[in-house]
N, C-alpha and C. Protein backbone atom coordinates (compact mmCIF):
# COMPACT_ATOMS: atom_id res chain seq x y z
N UNK A 1 -52.58 -7.43 59.16
CA UNK A 1 -51.60 -6.49 58.86
C UNK A 1 -50.43 -7.18 58.09
N UNK A 2 -49.85 -6.61 57.05
CA UNK A 2 -48.89 -7.22 56.20
C UNK A 2 -47.54 -7.17 56.89
N UNK A 3 -46.61 -7.91 56.32
CA UNK A 3 -45.24 -8.00 56.82
C UNK A 3 -44.45 -6.74 56.51
N UNK A 4 -43.57 -6.26 57.31
CA UNK A 4 -42.70 -5.14 57.04
C UNK A 4 -41.57 -5.59 56.14
N UNK A 5 -40.72 -4.75 55.71
CA UNK A 5 -39.60 -5.03 54.79
C UNK A 5 -38.61 -6.10 55.31
N UNK A 6 -38.26 -5.97 56.58
CA UNK A 6 -37.33 -6.86 57.19
C UNK A 6 -37.96 -8.29 57.34
N UNK A 7 -39.24 -8.36 57.65
CA UNK A 7 -39.92 -9.69 57.67
C UNK A 7 -39.97 -10.39 56.30
N UNK A 8 -40.26 -9.62 55.31
CA UNK A 8 -40.36 -10.15 53.89
C UNK A 8 -38.93 -10.66 53.45
N UNK A 9 -37.91 -9.85 53.75
CA UNK A 9 -36.48 -10.21 53.49
C UNK A 9 -36.09 -11.49 54.14
N UNK A 10 -36.46 -11.62 55.41
CA UNK A 10 -36.17 -12.83 56.19
C UNK A 10 -36.84 -14.00 55.63
N UNK A 11 -38.08 -13.87 55.24
CA UNK A 11 -38.79 -15.01 54.72
C UNK A 11 -38.19 -15.40 53.27
N UNK A 12 -37.80 -14.45 52.52
CA UNK A 12 -37.21 -14.68 51.25
C UNK A 12 -35.90 -15.49 51.42
N UNK A 13 -35.06 -14.99 52.33
CA UNK A 13 -33.76 -15.73 52.61
C UNK A 13 -33.99 -17.13 53.08
N UNK A 14 -34.95 -17.34 53.94
CA UNK A 14 -35.29 -18.66 54.41
C UNK A 14 -35.77 -19.60 53.31
N UNK A 15 -36.43 -19.07 52.35
CA UNK A 15 -36.93 -19.91 51.19
C UNK A 15 -35.70 -20.25 50.28
N UNK A 16 -34.75 -19.36 50.12
CA UNK A 16 -33.56 -19.50 49.25
C UNK A 16 -32.78 -20.69 49.77
N UNK A 17 -32.82 -20.99 51.08
CA UNK A 17 -32.08 -22.12 51.64
C UNK A 17 -32.51 -23.49 51.09
N UNK A 18 -33.68 -23.52 50.56
CA UNK A 18 -34.25 -24.74 50.03
C UNK A 18 -34.61 -24.65 48.50
N UNK A 19 -34.03 -23.67 47.91
CA UNK A 19 -34.34 -23.40 46.55
C UNK A 19 -33.37 -24.23 45.68
N UNK A 20 -33.43 -24.04 44.42
CA UNK A 20 -32.51 -24.74 43.47
C UNK A 20 -33.04 -25.91 42.81
N UNK A 21 -32.29 -26.55 41.96
CA UNK A 21 -32.75 -27.67 41.14
C UNK A 21 -33.15 -28.84 41.94
N UNK A 22 -32.37 -29.17 42.93
CA UNK A 22 -32.64 -30.44 43.74
C UNK A 22 -33.27 -30.05 45.14
N UNK A 23 -33.60 -28.85 45.37
CA UNK A 23 -34.18 -28.46 46.61
C UNK A 23 -33.13 -28.48 47.79
N UNK A 24 -31.85 -28.57 47.32
CA UNK A 24 -30.79 -28.55 48.36
C UNK A 24 -30.36 -27.19 48.81
N UNK A 25 -30.97 -26.22 48.19
CA UNK A 25 -30.73 -24.87 48.66
C UNK A 25 -29.60 -24.15 47.96
N UNK A 26 -29.49 -22.91 48.29
CA UNK A 26 -28.50 -22.00 47.77
C UNK A 26 -27.83 -21.27 48.98
N UNK A 27 -26.65 -20.80 48.78
CA UNK A 27 -25.89 -20.11 49.83
C UNK A 27 -25.70 -18.68 49.25
N UNK A 28 -25.77 -17.64 50.19
CA UNK A 28 -25.47 -16.28 49.88
C UNK A 28 -24.05 -16.08 49.89
N UNK A 29 -23.49 -15.39 48.85
CA UNK A 29 -22.08 -15.09 48.79
C UNK A 29 -22.02 -13.54 48.69
N UNK A 30 -21.22 -12.96 49.53
CA UNK A 30 -21.11 -11.52 49.49
C UNK A 30 -19.56 -11.17 49.73
N UNK A 31 -18.96 -10.73 48.61
CA UNK A 31 -17.54 -10.41 48.72
C UNK A 31 -17.14 -9.32 47.70
N UNK A 32 -16.02 -8.80 47.89
CA UNK A 32 -15.40 -7.81 46.98
C UNK A 32 -14.34 -8.55 46.17
N UNK A 33 -14.32 -8.23 44.88
CA UNK A 33 -13.23 -8.83 44.03
C UNK A 33 -12.61 -7.56 43.32
N UNK A 34 -11.43 -7.83 42.76
CA UNK A 34 -10.76 -6.79 42.05
C UNK A 34 -11.50 -6.32 40.83
N UNK A 35 -11.28 -5.10 40.38
CA UNK A 35 -11.92 -4.62 39.21
C UNK A 35 -11.48 -5.47 38.04
N UNK A 36 -10.16 -5.85 37.94
CA UNK A 36 -9.69 -6.70 36.82
C UNK A 36 -10.53 -8.01 36.74
N UNK A 37 -10.75 -8.68 37.92
CA UNK A 37 -11.46 -9.89 37.90
C UNK A 37 -12.98 -9.73 37.61
N UNK A 38 -13.50 -8.60 38.10
CA UNK A 38 -14.93 -8.28 37.78
C UNK A 38 -15.12 -8.05 36.28
N UNK A 39 -14.22 -7.32 35.64
CA UNK A 39 -14.34 -7.05 34.25
C UNK A 39 -14.08 -8.30 33.36
N UNK A 40 -13.16 -9.14 33.82
CA UNK A 40 -12.91 -10.45 33.11
C UNK A 40 -14.12 -11.32 33.24
N UNK A 41 -14.70 -11.36 34.43
CA UNK A 41 -15.95 -12.17 34.64
C UNK A 41 -17.01 -11.75 33.73
N UNK A 42 -17.19 -10.50 33.60
CA UNK A 42 -18.23 -10.00 32.67
C UNK A 42 -17.97 -10.34 31.27
N UNK A 43 -16.68 -10.19 30.81
CA UNK A 43 -16.37 -10.56 29.44
C UNK A 43 -16.62 -12.05 29.11
N UNK A 44 -16.16 -12.95 30.12
CA UNK A 44 -16.28 -14.29 29.92
C UNK A 44 -17.75 -14.74 29.91
N UNK A 45 -18.56 -14.18 30.82
CA UNK A 45 -19.99 -14.46 30.85
C UNK A 45 -20.68 -14.06 29.54
N UNK A 46 -20.32 -12.92 29.01
CA UNK A 46 -20.91 -12.51 27.77
C UNK A 46 -20.50 -13.44 26.64
N UNK A 47 -19.28 -13.79 26.63
CA UNK A 47 -18.74 -14.75 25.52
C UNK A 47 -19.51 -16.06 25.52
N UNK A 48 -19.80 -16.55 26.74
CA UNK A 48 -20.48 -17.83 26.76
C UNK A 48 -22.01 -17.65 26.93
N UNK A 49 -22.58 -16.47 26.85
CA UNK A 49 -23.98 -16.19 26.90
C UNK A 49 -24.63 -16.71 28.16
N UNK A 50 -23.99 -16.50 29.26
CA UNK A 50 -24.52 -16.88 30.66
C UNK A 50 -24.44 -15.74 31.57
N UNK A 51 -25.02 -15.83 32.69
CA UNK A 51 -24.98 -14.79 33.67
C UNK A 51 -23.64 -14.92 34.43
N UNK A 52 -23.19 -13.89 35.15
CA UNK A 52 -22.04 -13.96 35.96
C UNK A 52 -22.12 -14.97 36.98
N UNK A 53 -23.28 -15.08 37.62
CA UNK A 53 -23.51 -16.14 38.61
C UNK A 53 -23.31 -17.48 38.03
N UNK A 54 -23.85 -17.81 36.87
CA UNK A 54 -23.66 -19.05 36.20
C UNK A 54 -22.23 -19.33 35.91
N UNK A 55 -21.47 -18.30 35.43
CA UNK A 55 -20.07 -18.45 35.16
C UNK A 55 -19.37 -18.85 36.32
N UNK A 56 -19.58 -18.15 37.47
CA UNK A 56 -18.87 -18.46 38.69
C UNK A 56 -19.15 -19.89 39.14
N UNK A 57 -20.46 -20.26 39.13
CA UNK A 57 -20.76 -21.57 39.53
C UNK A 57 -20.16 -22.66 38.67
N UNK A 58 -20.19 -22.44 37.31
CA UNK A 58 -19.57 -23.36 36.43
C UNK A 58 -18.05 -23.48 36.63
N UNK A 59 -17.34 -22.38 36.89
CA UNK A 59 -15.90 -22.51 37.16
C UNK A 59 -15.63 -23.26 38.45
N UNK A 60 -16.36 -22.97 39.50
CA UNK A 60 -16.17 -23.59 40.73
C UNK A 60 -16.47 -25.09 40.65
N UNK A 61 -17.61 -25.54 40.10
CA UNK A 61 -17.98 -26.88 40.10
C UNK A 61 -17.02 -27.68 39.12
N UNK A 62 -16.71 -27.15 38.02
CA UNK A 62 -15.74 -27.84 37.07
C UNK A 62 -14.42 -28.06 37.64
N UNK A 63 -13.91 -27.06 38.44
CA UNK A 63 -12.59 -27.17 38.95
C UNK A 63 -12.66 -28.17 40.16
N UNK A 64 -13.75 -28.13 40.95
CA UNK A 64 -13.92 -29.11 42.03
C UNK A 64 -13.94 -30.50 41.48
N UNK A 65 -14.75 -30.76 40.37
CA UNK A 65 -14.77 -32.13 39.84
C UNK A 65 -13.43 -32.57 39.27
N UNK A 66 -12.69 -31.67 38.71
CA UNK A 66 -11.41 -31.96 38.16
C UNK A 66 -10.45 -32.38 39.31
N UNK A 67 -10.43 -31.65 40.37
CA UNK A 67 -9.65 -31.98 41.54
C UNK A 67 -10.07 -33.33 42.09
N UNK A 68 -11.36 -33.51 42.27
CA UNK A 68 -11.80 -34.81 42.93
C UNK A 68 -11.48 -35.96 42.07
N UNK A 69 -11.52 -35.80 40.72
CA UNK A 69 -11.16 -36.95 39.82
C UNK A 69 -9.64 -37.29 39.87
N UNK A 70 -8.87 -36.34 40.36
CA UNK A 70 -7.43 -36.52 40.35
C UNK A 70 -6.83 -37.10 41.66
N UNK A 71 -7.72 -37.31 42.62
CA UNK A 71 -7.24 -37.84 43.92
C UNK A 71 -8.04 -39.02 44.31
N UNK A 72 -7.32 -39.95 44.98
CA UNK A 72 -7.98 -41.18 45.44
C UNK A 72 -8.95 -41.00 46.59
N UNK A 73 -10.01 -41.75 46.51
CA UNK A 73 -11.04 -41.73 47.56
C UNK A 73 -10.40 -42.15 48.90
N UNK A 74 -10.74 -41.48 49.98
CA UNK A 74 -10.28 -41.84 51.34
C UNK A 74 -8.74 -41.78 51.52
N UNK A 75 -8.03 -41.10 50.62
CA UNK A 75 -6.60 -40.89 50.77
C UNK A 75 -6.34 -39.68 51.66
N UNK A 76 -5.08 -39.50 52.01
CA UNK A 76 -4.66 -38.37 52.86
C UNK A 76 -5.03 -37.07 52.10
N UNK A 77 -4.76 -37.04 50.83
CA UNK A 77 -4.98 -35.93 50.00
C UNK A 77 -6.45 -35.65 50.03
N UNK A 78 -7.32 -36.74 49.86
CA UNK A 78 -8.81 -36.50 49.77
C UNK A 78 -9.24 -35.89 51.12
N UNK A 79 -8.74 -36.45 52.18
CA UNK A 79 -9.21 -35.93 53.53
C UNK A 79 -8.68 -34.51 53.69
N UNK A 80 -7.51 -34.23 53.20
CA UNK A 80 -7.00 -32.83 53.28
C UNK A 80 -7.83 -31.87 52.52
N UNK A 81 -8.28 -32.34 51.33
CA UNK A 81 -9.14 -31.42 50.42
C UNK A 81 -10.43 -31.12 51.12
N UNK A 82 -11.00 -32.04 51.86
CA UNK A 82 -12.28 -31.74 52.52
C UNK A 82 -12.13 -31.16 53.87
N UNK A 83 -10.91 -30.99 54.36
CA UNK A 83 -10.79 -30.28 55.65
C UNK A 83 -10.96 -28.80 55.51
N UNK A 84 -11.22 -28.05 56.46
CA UNK A 84 -11.42 -26.65 56.37
C UNK A 84 -10.13 -25.89 56.73
N UNK A 85 -9.04 -26.62 56.73
CA UNK A 85 -7.74 -26.00 57.07
C UNK A 85 -7.15 -25.32 55.81
N UNK A 86 -6.71 -24.10 56.03
CA UNK A 86 -6.16 -23.37 54.92
C UNK A 86 -4.86 -23.87 54.43
N UNK A 87 -4.69 -23.67 53.16
CA UNK A 87 -3.40 -24.15 52.48
C UNK A 87 -2.63 -22.90 52.08
N UNK A 88 -2.56 -21.90 52.90
CA UNK A 88 -1.93 -20.62 52.55
C UNK A 88 -0.59 -20.73 52.05
N UNK A 89 0.17 -21.65 52.59
CA UNK A 89 1.60 -21.85 52.21
C UNK A 89 1.83 -22.11 50.72
N UNK A 90 0.85 -22.80 50.12
CA UNK A 90 1.06 -23.12 48.73
C UNK A 90 0.00 -22.64 47.82
N UNK A 91 -0.89 -21.63 48.25
CA UNK A 91 -2.02 -21.26 47.54
C UNK A 91 -1.69 -20.75 46.13
N UNK A 92 -0.57 -19.96 45.95
CA UNK A 92 -0.28 -19.46 44.63
C UNK A 92 0.14 -20.57 43.72
N UNK A 93 0.83 -21.55 44.18
CA UNK A 93 1.24 -22.73 43.41
C UNK A 93 -0.07 -23.55 42.97
N UNK A 94 -0.98 -23.64 43.80
CA UNK A 94 -2.30 -24.31 43.48
C UNK A 94 -3.05 -23.51 42.50
N UNK A 95 -3.07 -22.17 42.69
CA UNK A 95 -3.85 -21.27 41.73
C UNK A 95 -3.20 -21.40 40.31
N UNK A 96 -1.89 -21.39 40.24
CA UNK A 96 -1.19 -21.49 38.94
C UNK A 96 -1.52 -22.78 38.23
N UNK A 97 -1.51 -23.89 39.04
CA UNK A 97 -1.85 -25.13 38.46
C UNK A 97 -3.32 -25.19 37.98
N UNK A 98 -4.22 -24.58 38.73
CA UNK A 98 -5.61 -24.55 38.34
C UNK A 98 -5.77 -23.72 37.04
N UNK A 99 -5.08 -22.62 36.94
CA UNK A 99 -5.21 -21.80 35.77
C UNK A 99 -4.69 -22.45 34.55
N UNK A 100 -3.74 -23.31 34.63
CA UNK A 100 -3.30 -24.10 33.50
C UNK A 100 -4.27 -25.08 32.97
N UNK A 101 -5.13 -25.59 33.88
CA UNK A 101 -6.03 -26.59 33.54
C UNK A 101 -7.51 -26.15 33.39
N UNK A 102 -7.76 -24.87 33.31
CA UNK A 102 -9.06 -24.33 33.23
C UNK A 102 -9.65 -24.59 31.73
N UNK A 103 -10.73 -25.22 31.63
CA UNK A 103 -11.40 -25.38 30.41
C UNK A 103 -12.88 -24.88 30.45
N UNK A 104 -13.13 -23.80 29.90
CA UNK A 104 -14.46 -23.11 30.07
C UNK A 104 -15.40 -23.49 28.93
N UNK A 105 -15.02 -24.37 28.10
CA UNK A 105 -15.88 -24.76 27.00
C UNK A 105 -17.06 -25.63 27.42
């Protein structure tokens, strides 16, 4: 007897955890974003001839690399960056700095 829909979906999700270029897996992201951001993402992805997923991944990885290259290894700032503690008090200041340094080429 074949698998039902829920069983097939569970097997697919389990395989995705080990998918990807290096076999290090993928993570599921499910969130709502503003219409403005969604439309901007679509325009940027079309401009660079990539999928929205690839554009999001590129933006995240490039910004993470930029941040990591600007802080010293094993410093307080390094440890703070890798902690899961929220930086709500200065999030808009950080976002503005990130926006000034974005290079999508």
